[in-house]
Protein backbone atom coordinates (compact mmCIF):
# COMPACT_ATOMS: atom_id res chain seq x y z
CA MET A 1 -2.27 41.94 -40.17
CA THR A 2 -3.85 40.75 -36.94
CA THR A 3 -2.77 40.83 -33.32
CA PRO A 4 -2.02 37.07 -33.24
CA ARG A 5 0.13 37.35 -36.38
CA ASP A 6 1.96 40.39 -35.03
CA LEU A 7 2.60 38.58 -31.75
CA LEU A 8 3.94 35.47 -33.47
CA ILE A 9 6.24 37.50 -35.72
CA ILE A 10 7.58 39.47 -32.75
CA ALA A 11 8.10 36.26 -30.76
CA MET A 12 9.93 34.54 -33.62
CA ASP A 13 12.05 37.61 -34.30
CA ALA A 14 13.27 37.33 -30.71
CA GLY A 15 15.28 34.37 -32.02
CA SER A 16 17.26 31.79 -30.10
CA SER A 17 18.55 34.45 -27.70
CA SER A 18 15.10 34.72 -26.13
CA PRO A 19 13.06 31.56 -26.81
CA VAL A 20 9.37 31.59 -25.96
CA GLU A 21 7.57 28.58 -24.49
CA GLN A 22 5.19 27.37 -27.19
CA GLY A 23 2.44 26.58 -24.68
CA ASP A 24 2.67 30.12 -23.32
CA LEU A 25 2.58 31.54 -26.83
CA SER A 26 -0.47 29.45 -27.75
CA LEU A 27 -2.43 30.85 -24.80
CA ALA A 28 -1.41 34.40 -25.68
CA LEU A 29 -2.39 33.88 -29.33
CA ALA A 30 -5.83 32.66 -28.26
CA GLY A 31 -6.20 35.79 -26.15
CA ALA A 32 -5.08 37.95 -29.06
CA GLU A 33 -7.84 36.41 -31.18
CA VAL A 34 -10.46 37.46 -28.63
CA ILE A 35 -9.06 40.99 -28.63
CA ASP A 36 -9.35 41.15 -32.42
CA PHE A 37 -12.92 39.83 -32.18
CA LEU A 38 -13.72 42.69 -29.81
CA ALA A 39 -12.16 45.22 -32.18
CA ALA A 40 -14.23 43.83 -35.07
CA ARG A 41 -17.38 43.84 -32.90
CA ALA A 42 -17.76 40.14 -33.61
CA ILE A 43 -18.25 39.52 -29.87
CA ARG A 44 -18.91 41.31 -26.62
CA LEU A 45 -18.08 40.28 -23.09
CA ASP A 46 -20.73 39.65 -20.45
CA GLY A 47 -18.53 39.70 -17.38
CA ASP A 48 -15.84 37.23 -18.43
CA HIS A 49 -18.03 35.30 -20.88
CA ILE A 50 -17.75 35.60 -24.66
CA VAL A 51 -21.06 36.49 -26.30
CA PRO A 52 -20.87 36.22 -30.12
CA GLY A 53 -22.63 38.85 -32.19
CA ASP A 54 -23.72 38.67 -35.79
CA ARG A 55 -21.25 36.83 -37.99
CA THR A 56 -18.74 39.36 -39.22
CA ALA A 57 -16.31 38.83 -42.09
CA LEU A 58 -12.77 38.73 -40.73
CA ALA A 59 -9.89 39.28 -43.12
CA ASP A 60 -7.89 36.30 -41.87
CA ARG A 61 -8.44 32.57 -42.32
CA LEU A 62 -7.41 31.56 -38.81
CA LEU A 63 -9.56 34.26 -37.24
CA GLU A 64 -12.48 33.04 -39.35
CA GLU A 65 -11.79 29.51 -38.14
CA ALA A 66 -11.66 30.74 -34.55
CA ALA A 67 -14.90 32.69 -34.91
CA ALA A 68 -16.66 29.64 -36.35
CA SER A 69 -15.79 27.70 -33.19
CA LEU A 70 -17.29 30.22 -30.76
CA VAL A 71 -19.99 28.87 -28.45
CA ARG A 72 -23.14 30.61 -29.70
CA GLN A 73 -25.66 29.45 -27.12
CA ALA A 74 -25.98 30.17 -23.41
CA PRO A 75 -24.25 29.40 -21.19
CA TYR A 76 -21.48 31.07 -23.14
CA GLU A 77 -17.83 30.15 -22.83
CA SER A 78 -15.63 32.06 -20.42
CA VAL A 79 -12.48 33.72 -21.70
CA ALA A 80 -10.41 31.32 -19.58
CA ASP A 81 -12.14 28.27 -21.08
CA TRP A 82 -11.61 29.69 -24.58
CA LEU A 83 -7.89 30.15 -23.92
CA TRP A 84 -7.40 26.52 -22.90
CA ARG A 85 -9.62 25.07 -25.64
CA ARG A 86 -8.57 27.24 -28.57
CA GLY A 87 -4.98 27.54 -27.40
CA ARG A 88 -4.15 23.86 -27.76
CA GLY A 89 -1.46 23.70 -30.46
CA LEU A 90 -2.33 27.21 -31.68
CA SER A 91 1.25 28.45 -32.05
CA ALA A 92 1.99 25.56 -34.41
CA ALA A 93 -1.14 26.37 -36.44
CA TYR A 94 -0.11 30.00 -36.85
CA ARG A 95 3.45 29.03 -37.76
CA ALA A 96 2.16 26.65 -40.42
CA GLU A 97 -0.18 29.31 -41.81
CA LEU A 98 2.52 31.96 -42.04
CA GLU A 99 4.97 29.49 -43.55
CA ALA A 100 2.43 28.55 -46.24
CA GLU A 101 2.04 32.25 -47.05
CA GLY A 102 5.79 32.79 -47.27
CA GLN A 103 5.86 34.97 -44.15
CA LEU A 104 8.12 32.37 -42.52
CA VAL A 105 10.94 30.68 -44.43
CA ARG A 106 13.48 27.95 -43.83
CA GLN A 107 16.94 29.38 -43.34
CA GLY A 108 19.39 27.35 -45.40
CA ARG A 109 22.56 25.93 -43.85
CA ARG A 110 25.72 24.85 -45.59
CA GLY A 111 25.69 21.10 -46.11
CA ILE A 112 22.08 20.76 -44.97
CA SER A 113 19.00 20.70 -47.16
CA PHE A 114 16.93 23.90 -47.35
CA ARG A 115 13.95 22.16 -45.76
CA ALA A 116 16.03 21.22 -42.71
CA GLY A 117 16.89 24.85 -41.92
CA GLU A 118 15.54 26.88 -39.01
CA LEU A 119 12.18 28.57 -39.52
CA VAL A 120 12.66 32.36 -39.49
CA VAL A 121 10.59 35.45 -40.27
CA ALA A 122 10.91 36.62 -43.88
CA ASP A 123 11.64 40.25 -44.64
CA SER A 124 8.23 41.57 -45.66
CA PRO A 125 5.85 44.50 -45.18
CA ASP A 126 3.97 42.42 -42.57
CA ARG A 127 7.15 41.94 -40.57
CA ARG A 128 7.91 45.65 -40.72
CA ARG A 129 4.37 46.55 -39.62
CA ALA A 130 4.62 44.17 -36.67
CA ALA A 131 8.01 45.65 -35.74
CA ASP A 132 6.59 49.18 -35.95
CA ARG A 133 3.69 48.21 -33.69
CA TRP A 134 6.12 46.66 -31.22
CA ALA A 135 8.43 49.70 -31.33
CA SER A 136 5.48 52.01 -30.64
CA ASP A 137 4.89 50.18 -27.34
CA GLU A 138 1.21 49.66 -28.22
CA PRO A 139 -0.31 48.52 -24.89
CA VAL A 140 -2.03 45.29 -26.01
CA LEU A 141 0.88 43.89 -28.00
CA ALA A 142 3.33 45.05 -25.34
CA PHE A 143 1.34 43.27 -22.63
CA LEU A 144 1.02 40.00 -24.55
CA ALA A 145 4.67 40.01 -25.58
CA GLY A 146 5.76 40.81 -22.05
CA ALA A 147 3.55 38.05 -20.63
CA VAL A 148 5.39 35.41 -22.66
CA ARG A 149 8.76 37.11 -22.12
CA VAL A 150 9.46 38.16 -25.70
CA HIS A 151 12.79 40.01 -25.91
CA GLY A 152 13.42 39.35 -22.25
CA GLU A 153 14.68 36.69 -19.90
CA ARG A 154 13.17 33.32 -20.54
CA ARG A 155 10.73 32.23 -17.90
CA ASP A 156 11.98 29.14 -16.05
CA SER A 157 9.31 26.62 -17.03
CA THR A 158 9.93 24.59 -13.86
CA ASP A 159 9.80 27.42 -11.34
CA VAL A 160 6.42 29.00 -10.82
CA THR A 161 7.94 31.48 -8.37
CA ASP A 162 9.78 33.04 -11.32
CA VAL A 163 6.54 33.91 -13.09
CA THR A 164 5.89 37.63 -12.94
CA ASP A 165 2.26 38.53 -12.43
CA VAL A 166 1.61 41.17 -15.08
CA THR A 167 -2.05 41.79 -14.38
CA ASP A 168 -1.47 45.56 -14.25
CA VAL A 169 -3.45 46.61 -17.29
CA THR A 170 -3.85 50.26 -16.39
CA ASP A 171 -2.50 51.29 -19.79
CA VAL A 172 -5.46 49.55 -21.46
CA ALA A 173 -8.49 51.82 -21.53
CA ASP A 174 -11.03 49.24 -22.73
CA ASP A 175 -12.41 47.18 -19.84
CA ALA A 176 -13.22 44.17 -22.04
CA VAL A 177 -9.69 44.08 -23.45
CA ALA A 178 -8.28 44.42 -19.93
CA THR A 179 -10.41 41.43 -18.87
CA VAL A 180 -8.96 39.32 -21.67
CA LEU A 181 -5.39 40.31 -20.86
CA ALA A 182 -5.89 39.50 -17.19
CA ALA A 183 -7.27 36.07 -18.17
CA VAL A 184 -4.21 35.43 -20.33
CA ASN A 185 -1.95 36.29 -17.42
CA ASP A 186 -3.87 33.97 -15.07
CA ALA A 187 -3.68 31.12 -17.59
CA LEU A 188 0.08 31.57 -17.97
CA VAL A 189 0.57 31.46 -14.21
CA GLU A 190 -1.57 28.31 -14.04
CA LEU A 191 0.41 26.67 -16.84
CA ALA A 192 3.68 27.45 -15.07
CA ALA A 193 2.31 25.84 -11.90
CA VAL A 194 1.36 22.70 -13.85
CA ARG A 195 4.89 22.49 -15.29
CA GLN A 196 6.36 22.85 -11.81
CA ARG A 197 4.19 20.06 -10.40
CA ARG A 198 5.16 17.76 -13.26
CA ALA A 199 8.85 18.56 -12.78
CA ILE A 200 8.59 17.73 -9.07
CA GLU A 201 6.75 14.48 -9.82
CA ASP A 202 9.30 13.50 -12.47
CA ALA A 203 12.18 14.25 -10.11
CA ALA A 204 10.58 12.14 -7.37
CA PHE A 205 10.08 9.24 -9.79
CA ASP A 206 13.72 9.47 -10.89
CA ASN A 207 14.86 9.32 -7.25
CA ILE A 208 12.78 6.20 -6.63
CA TRP A 209 14.01 4.58 -9.85
CA ARG A 210 17.62 5.18 -8.83
CA GLY A 211 16.98 3.71 -5.40
CA GLY A 212 17.17 7.00 -3.56
CA VAL A 213 14.37 8.47 -1.46
CA GLY A 214 16.14 11.50 -0.07
C-alpha cells in the first residue's frame, strides 16, 4: 500500500457521517505522493522545490504515473505548484483505480441496480493495513487525515474562518516531509478562501437577480 491509498481508504471509511471535500482530498493525495517519493528516494527537496533523482521503480501504477510527470529540468517545480497541478481530479483517479482493483465496491440497494449503489471500501487486507496505520496515529497519515477533517467535523466549505491551520508538524522528524505537509495545509487554506469568495460572489449575484441590493 501507499500513503495516498491509505488516505483515500481512511477518508472513504469515514462514510456519510463525515464527508470529505473532494478538492481537499485531491490536494492531500498529491502531497501524499510527494511524501512517498521522498521515502523511495525518487526525489529530494531543494528548499520547497522538487528535484527528481534517478528513475526508481515504484510498486504502484498511479505513483509511477505521478513520477513520470515530474519536472526534470531546472527551474524545478515547487511543492505548492505540484499540489495544484497534480491534484486536479486526483481523488477521482484514485477512486477509479481502487474500484478497478476491487478495493472499492458498489453497495447494492434493494430495488436499485448493483451499479447504482454507493461506492464503499471492500473488506480486504489493504483496508485493514490502512486502518492499523490510522489507529497507530502515524504522524504523516494523521496530519493529512486531520487536514481534510477525516473522522471529524466537516469543514464549512464557504467559511474560511472555520479552517484550522494545522501547520504544527513537530511530530514529523523529517524536515522535507514537514515542508510537504505545511504546503498541503497552505493549499487547503487557499482553496477554502477561493470557495468563500465564490460563495460571496454567487450570493451577491442572486441578490441582484432578485432585485435586492441589500
